[in-house]
């Protein structure tokens, strides 16, 4: 039987299937009509359990704040908002981070809850009578999702406890596993198994074999396993994925599900229970019932290239709001809306789609991985193997799409002509020159998609110290990972 994520989520919450997080003891409290041990009996139960794992990805939860770590902690953004509001976000922005910072706790709880749900399903699905083909797909999805949660947790916190099955009470206290071991012995094996089980295509929001290959390429990039990263990226490049003609189609309601999406977190507005994307409120201006957080810095704006005639890379205005430009509908952006003069707009919908009174109920997806990132992963993997001449081809594919936005967006001045000198192809200037070009391209192409801080850290201390030269509290060894939250230190005495 086939179910939509929307239908399954409604049924799931009606049953109340909420399993324990890493820091909680396994008391078998009755959840709805059945406990976890009583639940996993039928094919329908397996589908519902899987939907529960997908639900843990959602930005329907206000506390899912990976954007704080990926953007605000980086050189791209400031806290934004008004002074004193969400002070813990400001402390991360200033690298004044302690174990009691609420943002640490929030992400830890939500993502370990996702892992717990995956473990419950994987531990119990073997005995369920159902189609073996569908059972394998569900196992592949669950293992992909568990890898996704561990990817974020170890990228944020470094060494963390690992559970690959539902722990007994005696197993709850567990020492942290080193960061690199989590990638090599946990995330990558989960993704390799997922590759063997996932389909080539699936309903929007579901993981496919290419979702797993894409995350594998990214993980090997973090480990500097260049040839393995190249091989994984190649699988996606040889698939049916492609970039959209218009960059902004990835952040528009009518075109959010498109061939560029490798994996995204889906949202639906107007649902009961809530399934909307709260980022629409977190990032919009207070003038229209938003909060104005995650505000782009001038440093980020200055990264975008301009022609001699001052025509800017069109990705800038698709990514941020700035003075002199339309914010949405016919509303002119007002620089006083933000302490930096800019706001992030990738997850903002116009009032014609989401009115002021339901601002937190957005419907845009979080694009975790787009095909353009896979191309840039391939470029980096090739370049680091000394194949800079091949690498520039993939960088130029991304730049070509960006400049050709002028051919497809009638709101751009001069449409459909491409301005002279806009985003010319890069040339092979050797390994170091191409490396810098790739790093630049990742920053402008993937801006405000929650990846920048982790790129800065993986580029190493020299790059990071330069990126944060105006943040005196930054210390590479101290800040390359966030501290484990105090709630976990208080309950897991092995840490």
Protein backbone atom coordinates (compact mmCIF):
# COMPACT_ATOMS: atom_id res chain seq x y z
CA UNK A 1 0.00 0.00 0.00
CA UNK A 2 1.35 3.45 -0.90
CA UNK A 3 1.11 6.42 1.44
CA UNK A 4 1.98 10.08 1.06
CA UNK A 5 4.22 11.60 3.71
CA UNK A 6 1.38 13.93 4.67
CA UNK A 7 -1.08 11.08 5.29
CA UNK A 8 1.44 8.94 7.15
CA UNK A 9 2.54 11.81 9.38
CA UNK A 10 -1.04 12.52 10.44
CA UNK A 11 -1.58 8.86 11.33
CA UNK A 12 1.80 8.69 13.05
CA UNK A 13 1.10 11.59 15.34
CA UNK A 14 -2.33 10.19 16.10
CA UNK A 15 -0.60 7.07 17.39
CA UNK A 16 1.95 9.22 19.24
CA UNK A 17 5.03 7.31 18.23
CA UNK A 18 7.83 9.16 19.96
CA UNK A 19 10.88 7.13 20.94
CA UNK A 20 13.57 8.05 23.41
CA UNK A 21 16.51 10.31 22.58
CA UNK A 22 20.13 9.46 23.31
CA UNK A 23 20.07 10.97 26.77
CA UNK A 24 16.82 9.38 27.97
CA UNK A 25 16.30 6.09 29.78
CA UNK A 26 14.23 3.44 28.02
CA UNK A 27 11.13 3.33 30.18
CA UNK A 28 8.47 1.60 28.11
CA UNK A 29 5.76 4.21 28.50
CA UNK A 30 2.59 3.49 26.54
CA UNK A 31 2.54 5.68 23.43
CA UNK A 32 -1.02 6.07 22.24
CA UNK A 33 -2.49 2.57 22.24
CA UNK A 34 0.76 0.62 21.83
CA UNK A 35 4.33 0.93 23.07
CA UNK A 36 7.33 0.80 20.74
CA UNK A 37 7.76 -2.90 21.51
CA UNK A 38 4.14 -3.56 20.57
CA UNK A 39 4.10 -1.35 17.50
CA UNK A 40 6.25 -2.84 14.74
CA UNK A 41 3.94 -5.66 13.66
CA UNK A 42 2.64 -4.88 10.17
CA UNK A 43 3.69 -3.38 6.86
CA UNK A 44 1.60 -0.35 7.72
CA UNK A 45 3.52 0.01 11.00
CA UNK A 46 6.80 -0.03 9.06
CA UNK A 47 5.57 2.74 6.76
CA UNK A 48 4.41 4.81 9.73
CA UNK A 49 7.70 4.29 11.53
CA UNK A 50 9.61 5.46 8.46
CA UNK A 51 7.47 8.57 8.21
CA UNK A 52 8.32 9.29 11.84
CA UNK A 53 12.00 9.35 10.91
CA UNK A 54 11.38 11.74 8.02
CA UNK A 55 9.38 13.95 10.38
CA UNK A 56 12.48 14.47 12.53
CA UNK A 57 14.18 16.25 9.59
CA UNK A 58 11.56 18.97 9.51
CA UNK A 59 11.88 22.70 10.01
CA UNK A 60 8.34 22.56 11.33
CA UNK A 61 10.24 22.37 14.61
CA UNK A 62 11.31 25.85 15.66
CA UNK A 63 14.28 24.29 17.47
CA UNK A 64 15.77 22.72 14.33
CA UNK A 65 18.47 25.35 14.08
CA UNK A 66 21.25 23.91 11.99
CA UNK A 67 21.22 27.31 10.27
CA UNK A 68 22.71 28.80 13.44
CA UNK A 69 25.76 26.55 13.10
CA UNK A 70 26.03 26.54 9.30
CA UNK A 71 25.37 30.24 8.66
CA UNK A 72 25.45 32.43 11.78
CA UNK A 73 28.63 30.82 13.11
CA UNK A 74 30.28 31.45 9.72
CA UNK A 75 31.53 34.63 8.08
CA UNK A 76 28.36 34.82 5.97
CA UNK A 77 25.87 35.96 8.60
CA UNK A 78 25.19 37.71 11.87
CA UNK A 79 22.51 36.79 14.40
CA UNK A 80 20.16 39.48 13.12
CA UNK A 81 16.85 40.13 14.85
CA UNK A 82 16.72 42.74 17.57
CA UNK A 83 19.30 43.23 20.31
CA UNK A 84 18.81 40.82 23.19
CA UNK A 85 16.43 38.52 21.34
CA UNK A 86 17.70 34.92 21.14
CA UNK A 87 20.89 35.88 22.95
CA UNK A 88 22.23 32.32 22.71
CA UNK A 89 22.42 32.69 18.92
CA UNK A 90 24.47 35.86 19.39
CA UNK A 91 26.87 34.00 21.69
CA UNK A 92 27.51 31.46 18.93
CA UNK A 93 28.01 34.30 16.46
CA UNK A 94 30.64 35.75 18.83
CA UNK A 95 32.25 32.37 19.64
CA UNK A 96 31.35 32.78 23.26
CA UNK A 97 29.89 29.28 23.42
CA UNK A 98 29.29 27.24 26.56
CA UNK A 99 27.69 23.87 27.16
CA UNK A 100 24.44 25.47 28.35
CA UNK A 101 23.73 27.25 25.05
CA UNK A 102 20.16 26.28 24.17
CA UNK A 103 20.88 25.87 20.46
CA UNK A 104 23.27 23.01 21.23
CA UNK A 105 20.62 21.25 23.26
CA UNK A 106 17.87 21.74 20.68
CA UNK A 107 19.75 20.24 17.73
CA UNK A 108 21.17 17.43 19.89
CA UNK A 109 17.71 16.34 21.05
CA UNK A 110 15.98 16.59 17.66
CA UNK A 111 18.65 14.75 15.67
CA UNK A 112 19.23 12.02 18.25
CA UNK A 113 15.47 11.55 18.27
CA UNK A 114 15.71 10.91 14.53
CA UNK A 115 18.47 8.36 15.12
CA UNK A 116 16.42 6.67 17.83
CA UNK A 117 13.42 6.36 15.51
CA UNK A 118 15.66 4.89 12.79
CA UNK A 119 17.11 2.35 15.23
CA UNK A 120 13.67 1.27 16.42
CA UNK A 121 12.56 0.62 12.84
CA UNK A 122 15.77 -1.11 11.76
CA UNK A 123 15.79 -3.34 14.85
CA UNK A 124 12.21 -4.47 14.29
CA UNK A 125 11.50 -4.53 10.57
CA UNK A 126 13.14 -7.93 10.02
CA UNK A 127 10.24 -9.82 11.58
CA UNK A 128 7.50 -7.91 9.75
CA UNK A 129 5.70 -9.82 7.01
CA UNK A 130 5.72 -7.64 3.91
CA UNK A 131 7.10 -7.39 0.39
CA UNK A 132 10.87 -7.98 0.53
CA UNK A 133 11.39 -5.33 -2.13
CA UNK A 134 9.59 -2.70 -0.09
CA UNK A 135 11.22 -3.89 3.12
CA UNK A 136 14.66 -3.39 1.55
CA UNK A 137 13.69 0.09 0.37
CA UNK A 138 12.52 1.04 3.86
CA UNK A 139 15.77 -0.25 5.35
CA UNK A 140 17.69 1.80 2.77
CA UNK A 141 15.70 4.93 3.58
CA UNK A 142 16.12 4.44 7.33
CA UNK A 143 19.86 3.93 7.01
CA UNK A 144 20.20 6.96 4.73
CA UNK A 145 18.29 9.08 7.24
CA UNK A 146 20.35 7.80 10.16
CA UNK A 147 23.48 8.70 8.20
CA UNK A 148 22.02 12.17 7.56
CA UNK A 149 21.42 12.75 11.29
CA UNK A 150 24.89 11.52 12.23
CA UNK A 151 26.42 13.68 9.47
CA UNK A 152 24.95 16.81 11.03
CA UNK A 153 25.65 15.84 14.63
CA UNK A 154 29.31 14.95 14.10
CA UNK A 155 29.85 17.95 11.81
CA UNK A 156 28.55 20.21 14.58
CA UNK A 157 29.87 18.45 17.70
CA UNK A 158 32.80 16.32 16.51
CA UNK A 159 33.22 13.27 18.75
CA UNK A 160 29.79 12.03 19.88
CA UNK A 161 28.18 8.85 21.26
CA UNK A 162 27.00 6.38 18.63
CA UNK A 163 24.11 3.94 18.87
CA UNK A 164 23.37 1.69 15.89
CA UNK A 165 20.57 -0.19 17.62
CA UNK A 166 18.13 0.61 20.39
CA UNK A 167 20.31 0.62 23.52
CA UNK A 168 19.50 -1.26 26.68
CA UNK A 169 19.64 0.74 29.92
CA UNK A 170 23.14 -0.62 30.51
CA UNK A 171 24.25 0.68 27.09
CA UNK A 172 22.95 4.21 27.53
CA UNK A 173 26.16 5.47 29.13
CA UNK A 174 28.58 5.47 26.22
CA UNK A 175 31.84 7.23 25.47
CA UNK A 176 32.09 9.43 22.39
CA UNK A 177 33.28 7.93 19.11
CA UNK A 178 35.93 10.01 17.29
CA UNK A 179 34.73 12.21 14.43
CA UNK A 180 36.60 10.40 11.65
CA UNK A 181 35.51 6.97 12.92
CA UNK A 182 31.89 8.13 12.82
CA UNK A 183 32.32 8.89 9.13
CA UNK A 184 34.25 5.73 8.24
CA UNK A 185 32.48 3.19 10.47
CA UNK A 186 28.96 4.62 10.83
CA UNK A 187 27.88 7.10 8.17
CA UNK A 188 29.63 5.65 5.13
CA UNK A 189 28.55 2.03 5.80
CA UNK A 190 24.96 3.20 6.27
CA UNK A 191 25.12 5.06 2.96
CA UNK A 192 26.75 2.14 1.16
CA UNK A 193 23.94 -0.13 2.32
CA UNK A 194 21.41 2.51 1.31
CA UNK A 195 22.93 2.62 -2.20
CA UNK A 196 22.28 -1.11 -2.53
CA UNK A 197 18.62 -0.79 -1.54
CA UNK A 198 17.22 2.60 -2.57
CA UNK A 199 15.34 3.16 -5.83
CA UNK A 200 16.52 5.48 -8.59
CA UNK A 201 13.41 7.64 -8.21
CA UNK A 202 10.86 8.20 -5.48
CA UNK A 203 8.13 10.56 -4.34
CA UNK A 204 9.23 14.10 -3.50
CA UNK A 205 11.08 14.19 -0.20
CA UNK A 206 11.99 10.50 -0.23
CA UNK A 207 15.61 9.38 -0.41
CA UNK A 208 16.84 7.78 -3.62
CA UNK A 209 20.03 5.97 -4.54
CA UNK A 210 21.35 9.34 -5.75
CA UNK A 211 20.62 10.97 -2.39
CA UNK A 212 22.89 8.35 -0.85
CA UNK A 213 25.57 8.72 -3.52
CA UNK A 214 25.49 12.51 -3.08
CA UNK A 215 25.96 12.34 0.68
CA UNK A 216 28.69 9.73 0.21
CA UNK A 217 30.50 12.14 -2.11
CA UNK A 218 30.22 14.88 0.51
CA UNK A 219 31.43 12.64 3.35
CA UNK A 220 34.47 11.49 1.38
CA UNK A 221 35.18 15.15 0.61
CA UNK A 222 35.27 15.88 4.36
CA UNK A 223 37.68 12.96 4.85
CA UNK A 224 39.80 14.08 1.87
CA UNK A 225 39.21 10.71 0.19
CA UNK A 226 39.37 12.38 -3.19
CA UNK A 227 39.04 9.38 -5.49
CA UNK A 228 36.12 7.93 -3.49
CA UNK A 229 34.44 11.34 -3.56
CA UNK A 230 34.94 11.52 -7.32
CA UNK A 231 33.42 8.07 -7.81
CA UNK A 232 30.36 8.85 -5.69
CA UNK A 233 29.78 12.21 -7.38
CA UNK A 234 30.11 10.52 -10.77
CA UNK A 235 27.14 8.28 -9.98
CA UNK A 236 24.92 11.33 -9.52
CA UNK A 237 26.33 13.11 -12.56
CA UNK A 238 25.56 10.07 -14.72
CA UNK A 239 21.97 10.00 -13.40
CA UNK A 240 19.01 11.96 -14.70
CA UNK A 241 19.71 14.94 -12.42
CA UNK A 242 20.39 18.32 -13.97
CA UNK A 243 20.43 21.97 -13.00
CA UNK A 244 17.33 24.06 -13.52
CA UNK A 245 17.54 26.81 -16.12
CA UNK A 246 16.92 29.41 -13.43
CA UNK A 247 18.84 29.31 -10.14
CA UNK A 248 15.89 30.72 -8.20
CA UNK A 249 13.62 27.83 -9.23
CA UNK A 250 15.14 25.90 -6.32
CA UNK A 251 13.60 28.37 -3.87
CA UNK A 252 10.19 28.93 -5.44
CA UNK A 253 6.98 27.17 -4.43
CA UNK A 254 5.89 26.22 -7.94
CA UNK A 255 9.28 24.75 -8.89
CA UNK A 256 10.71 23.51 -5.58
CA UNK A 257 10.59 19.84 -6.68
CA UNK A 258 12.78 19.68 -9.76
CA UNK A 259 15.61 17.60 -11.33
CA UNK A 260 18.25 19.60 -9.44
CA UNK A 261 17.10 18.27 -6.07
CA UNK A 262 19.30 15.44 -4.83
CA UNK A 263 17.77 15.50 -1.37
CA UNK A 264 15.43 18.00 0.25
CA UNK A 265 13.37 18.25 3.43
CA UNK A 266 9.73 18.63 2.40
CA UNK A 267 7.16 20.94 3.97
CA UNK A 268 3.41 21.42 3.47
CA UNK A 269 1.42 24.45 4.60
CA UNK A 270 -2.09 24.44 6.04
CA UNK A 271 -1.84 21.02 7.67
CA UNK A 272 -3.05 19.67 11.00
CA UNK A 273 -0.73 18.55 12.55
CA UNK A 274 1.75 21.24 11.55
CA UNK A 275 4.02 20.51 8.60
CA UNK A 276 4.95 24.03 7.51
CA UNK A 277 8.46 25.48 7.25
CA UNK A 278 9.07 27.90 10.13
CA UNK A 279 12.16 29.34 8.44
CA UNK A 280 9.75 31.61 6.56
CA UNK A 281 9.17 33.43 9.85
CA UNK A 282 12.65 33.14 11.34
CA UNK A 283 14.23 34.90 8.36
CA UNK A 284 11.57 37.39 7.20
CA UNK A 285 11.45 41.01 8.36
CA UNK A 286 9.60 42.02 11.52
CA UNK A 287 7.69 44.45 9.36
CA UNK A 288 5.73 41.43 8.08
CA UNK A 289 5.60 39.25 11.21
CA UNK A 290 9.06 37.75 10.81
CA UNK A 291 12.00 37.74 13.21
CA UNK A 292 14.83 38.89 10.92
CA UNK A 293 17.43 36.33 12.04
CA UNK A 294 20.38 34.95 10.06
CA UNK A 295 21.23 38.31 8.51
CA UNK A 296 23.84 38.33 5.70
CA UNK A 297 27.06 40.22 6.39
CA UNK A 298 28.74 42.68 4.03
CA UNK A 299 31.59 40.18 3.72
CA UNK A 300 29.22 37.73 2.04
CA UNK A 301 27.77 40.37 -0.28
CA UNK A 302 31.27 41.41 -1.36
CA UNK A 303 32.06 37.84 -2.44
CA UNK A 304 29.77 38.16 -5.49
CA UNK A 305 31.39 39.18 -8.76
CA UNK A 306 30.36 42.25 -10.74
CA UNK A 307 31.11 43.34 -14.27
CA UNK A 308 32.91 46.54 -15.22
CA UNK A 309 29.42 47.99 -15.72
CA UNK A 310 28.50 47.04 -12.11
CA UNK A 311 26.17 44.20 -13.10
CA UNK A 312 26.21 41.75 -10.22
CA UNK A 313 26.08 37.96 -10.22
CA UNK A 314 22.28 37.38 -10.25
CA UNK A 315 22.61 34.81 -7.46
CA UNK A 316 23.14 37.68 -5.02
CA UNK A 317 19.60 39.02 -5.36
CA UNK A 318 18.13 35.52 -5.46
CA UNK A 319 19.84 34.89 -2.10
CA UNK A 320 19.47 38.11 -0.12
CA UNK A 321 17.33 41.20 0.22
CA UNK A 322 19.13 44.52 -0.18
CA UNK A 323 18.31 48.17 -0.70
CA UNK A 324 16.97 49.04 -4.14
CA UNK A 325 15.65 45.55 -4.84
CA UNK A 326 12.25 43.91 -4.54
CA UNK A 327 11.90 41.81 -1.40
CA UNK A 328 8.77 39.97 -2.59
CA UNK A 329 5.47 40.80 -4.29
CA UNK A 330 5.95 44.50 -5.06
CA UNK A 331 7.55 45.36 -1.70
CA UNK A 332 10.83 47.25 -1.85
CA UNK A 333 13.49 46.03 0.57
CA UNK A 334 14.24 48.42 3.43
CA UNK A 335 17.78 48.17 4.76
CA UNK A 336 16.62 49.29 8.23
CA UNK A 337 14.89 45.91 8.60
CA UNK A 338 18.25 44.34 9.44
CA UNK A 339 21.22 45.37 11.61
CA UNK A 340 23.50 44.43 8.71
CA UNK A 341 21.33 46.04 6.02
CA UNK A 342 20.50 42.66 4.45
CA UNK A 343 18.19 39.68 5.00
CA UNK A 344 18.35 36.09 3.79
CA UNK A 345 15.54 35.29 1.34
CA UNK A 346 16.02 31.71 0.11
CA UNK A 347 13.29 30.36 2.37
CA UNK A 348 11.00 33.39 2.26
CA UNK A 349 7.65 33.21 0.49
CA UNK A 350 5.66 36.26 -0.65
CA UNK A 351 2.57 37.37 1.24
CA UNK A 352 0.54 36.25 -1.76
CA UNK A 353 1.50 32.68 -0.79
CA UNK A 354 1.88 32.92 3.00
CA UNK A 355 0.00 35.81 4.60
CA UNK A 356 1.22 37.67 7.68
CA UNK A 357 -1.08 35.79 10.08
CA UNK A 358 0.35 32.38 9.12
CA UNK A 359 3.95 33.47 8.61
CA UNK A 360 5.46 30.36 10.25
CA UNK A 361 3.55 28.01 7.94
CA UNK A 362 5.83 28.13 4.91
CA UNK A 363 5.89 25.51 2.22
CA UNK A 364 9.37 25.76 0.72
CA UNK A 365 11.70 22.79 1.10
CA UNK A 366 15.11 22.83 2.71
CA UNK A 367 17.44 21.92 -0.13
CA UNK A 368 20.10 19.88 1.64
CA UNK A 369 21.84 18.88 -1.56
CA UNK A 370 21.39 20.19 -5.08
CA UNK A 371 22.96 18.91 -8.27
CA UNK A 372 25.09 22.04 -8.52
CA UNK A 373 26.80 21.05 -5.26
CA UNK A 374 27.55 17.61 -6.67
CA UNK A 375 29.26 19.30 -9.62
CA UNK A 376 31.37 21.38 -7.23
CA UNK A 377 32.21 18.29 -5.17
CA UNK A 378 33.40 16.62 -8.36
CA UNK A 379 35.47 19.69 -9.23
CA UNK A 380 37.13 19.71 -5.82
CA UNK A 381 37.81 15.98 -5.85
CA UNK A 382 39.42 16.19 -9.29
CA UNK A 383 41.45 19.28 -8.48
CA UNK A 384 42.86 17.81 -5.27
CA UNK A 385 44.04 14.83 -7.33
CA UNK A 386 46.01 17.20 -9.55
CA UNK A 387 43.46 17.23 -12.38
CA UNK A 388 42.68 20.94 -12.42
CA UNK A 389 42.02 20.97 -16.16
CA UNK A 390 39.13 18.55 -15.68
CA UNK A 391 37.92 20.33 -12.55
CA UNK A 392 37.28 23.68 -14.24
CA UNK A 393 34.71 22.05 -16.54
CA UNK A 394 32.41 21.36 -13.59
CA UNK A 395 32.92 24.78 -12.03
CA UNK A 396 32.05 26.40 -15.35
CA UNK A 397 28.84 24.40 -15.62
CA UNK A 398 27.69 26.05 -12.38
CA UNK A 399 28.80 29.51 -13.50
CA UNK A 400 27.12 29.09 -16.88
CA UNK A 401 23.76 28.39 -15.28
CA UNK A 402 24.18 31.44 -13.03
CA UNK A 403 24.89 33.90 -15.84
CA UNK A 404 22.25 32.36 -18.10
CA UNK A 405 19.61 33.31 -15.55
CA UNK A 406 19.38 36.45 -17.70
CA UNK A 407 18.00 34.29 -20.49
CA UNK A 408 15.13 32.96 -18.39
CA UNK A 409 14.18 35.65 -15.86
CA UNK A 410 12.22 38.53 -17.45
CA UNK A 411 12.60 40.55 -14.24
CA UNK A 412 16.34 40.91 -14.79
CA UNK A 413 17.40 44.11 -16.59
CA UNK A 414 18.39 43.50 -20.18
CA UNK A 415 16.57 40.15 -20.38
CA UNK A 416 17.06 37.98 -22.40
CA UNK A 417 20.56 39.22 -23.11
CA UNK A 418 23.51 38.16 -20.94
CA UNK A 419 25.51 41.23 -19.79
CA UNK A 420 29.02 41.48 -21.21
CA UNK A 421 31.68 40.09 -18.92
CA UNK A 422 29.27 38.47 -16.46
CA UNK A 423 30.72 35.40 -14.72
CA UNK A 424 33.21 34.39 -17.40
CA UNK A 425 34.44 30.80 -17.44
CA UNK A 426 37.40 30.17 -15.19
CA UNK A 427 40.60 28.81 -16.69
CA UNK A 428 43.08 26.26 -15.45
CA UNK A 429 45.50 28.33 -13.38
CA UNK A 430 46.91 25.34 -11.54
CA UNK A 431 45.83 23.48 -8.45
CA UNK A 432 45.97 26.40 -6.01
CA UNK A 433 44.20 28.85 -8.31
CA UNK A 434 41.43 26.40 -9.16
CA UNK A 435 41.07 25.48 -5.48
CA UNK A 436 40.40 29.12 -4.66
CA UNK A 437 37.91 29.35 -7.53
CA UNK A 438 36.02 26.29 -6.26
CA UNK A 439 35.89 27.66 -2.72
CA UNK A 440 34.56 30.95 -4.02
CA UNK A 441 31.96 29.19 -6.15
CA UNK A 442 30.74 27.05 -3.25
CA UNK A 443 30.26 30.15 -1.14
CA UNK A 444 28.15 32.07 -3.64
CA UNK A 445 26.29 29.10 -5.12
CA UNK A 446 25.38 27.49 -1.78
CA UNK A 447 25.05 30.64 0.31
CA UNK A 448 22.55 30.34 3.19
CA UNK A 449 21.98 26.65 2.64
CA UNK A 450 23.68 25.95 6.01
CA UNK A 451 27.03 24.60 4.72
CA UNK A 452 29.48 27.49 4.99
CA UNK A 453 30.82 27.03 8.53
CA UNK A 454 31.61 23.38 7.93
CA UNK A 455 33.44 24.28 4.72
CA UNK A 456 35.52 26.85 6.57
CA UNK A 457 36.53 24.31 9.19
CA UNK A 458 37.39 21.54 6.74
CA UNK A 459 39.56 23.96 4.72
CA UNK A 460 41.88 24.10 7.73
CA UNK A 461 43.21 26.59 10.30
CA UNK A 462 44.90 29.01 7.90
CA UNK A 463 41.72 29.56 5.91
CA UNK A 464 39.54 29.64 9.03
CA UNK A 465 41.71 32.14 10.88
CA UNK A 466 41.58 34.48 7.89
CA UNK A 467 37.80 34.06 7.55
CA UNK A 468 37.34 34.92 11.23
CA UNK A 469 40.06 37.55 11.60
CA UNK A 470 37.45 40.04 12.82
CA UNK A 471 36.19 37.63 15.49
CA UNK A 472 38.82 37.73 18.25
CA UNK A 473 37.22 34.91 20.25
CA UNK A 474 37.68 32.38 17.46
CA UNK A 475 40.25 29.67 18.07
CA UNK A 476 40.44 26.90 15.49
CA UNK A 477 41.14 24.01 17.83
CA UNK A 478 38.52 25.15 20.33
CA UNK A 479 35.81 26.16 17.89
CA UNK A 480 36.07 23.70 15.02
CA UNK A 481 33.43 21.73 16.92
CA UNK A 482 30.71 22.94 19.27
CA UNK A 483 30.70 21.70 22.88
CA UNK A 484 28.48 18.75 23.78
CA UNK A 485 25.41 20.19 25.56
CA UNK A 486 25.29 20.10 29.32
CA UNK A 487 22.11 18.00 29.38
CA UNK A 488 24.07 15.13 27.79
CA UNK A 489 27.09 15.61 30.04
CA UNK A 490 24.78 15.40 33.05
CA UNK A 491 23.20 12.12 31.96
CA UNK A 492 25.99 10.33 30.11
CA UNK A 493 28.79 9.93 32.60
CA UNK A 494 31.06 8.28 30.03
CA UNK A 495 31.58 11.63 28.29
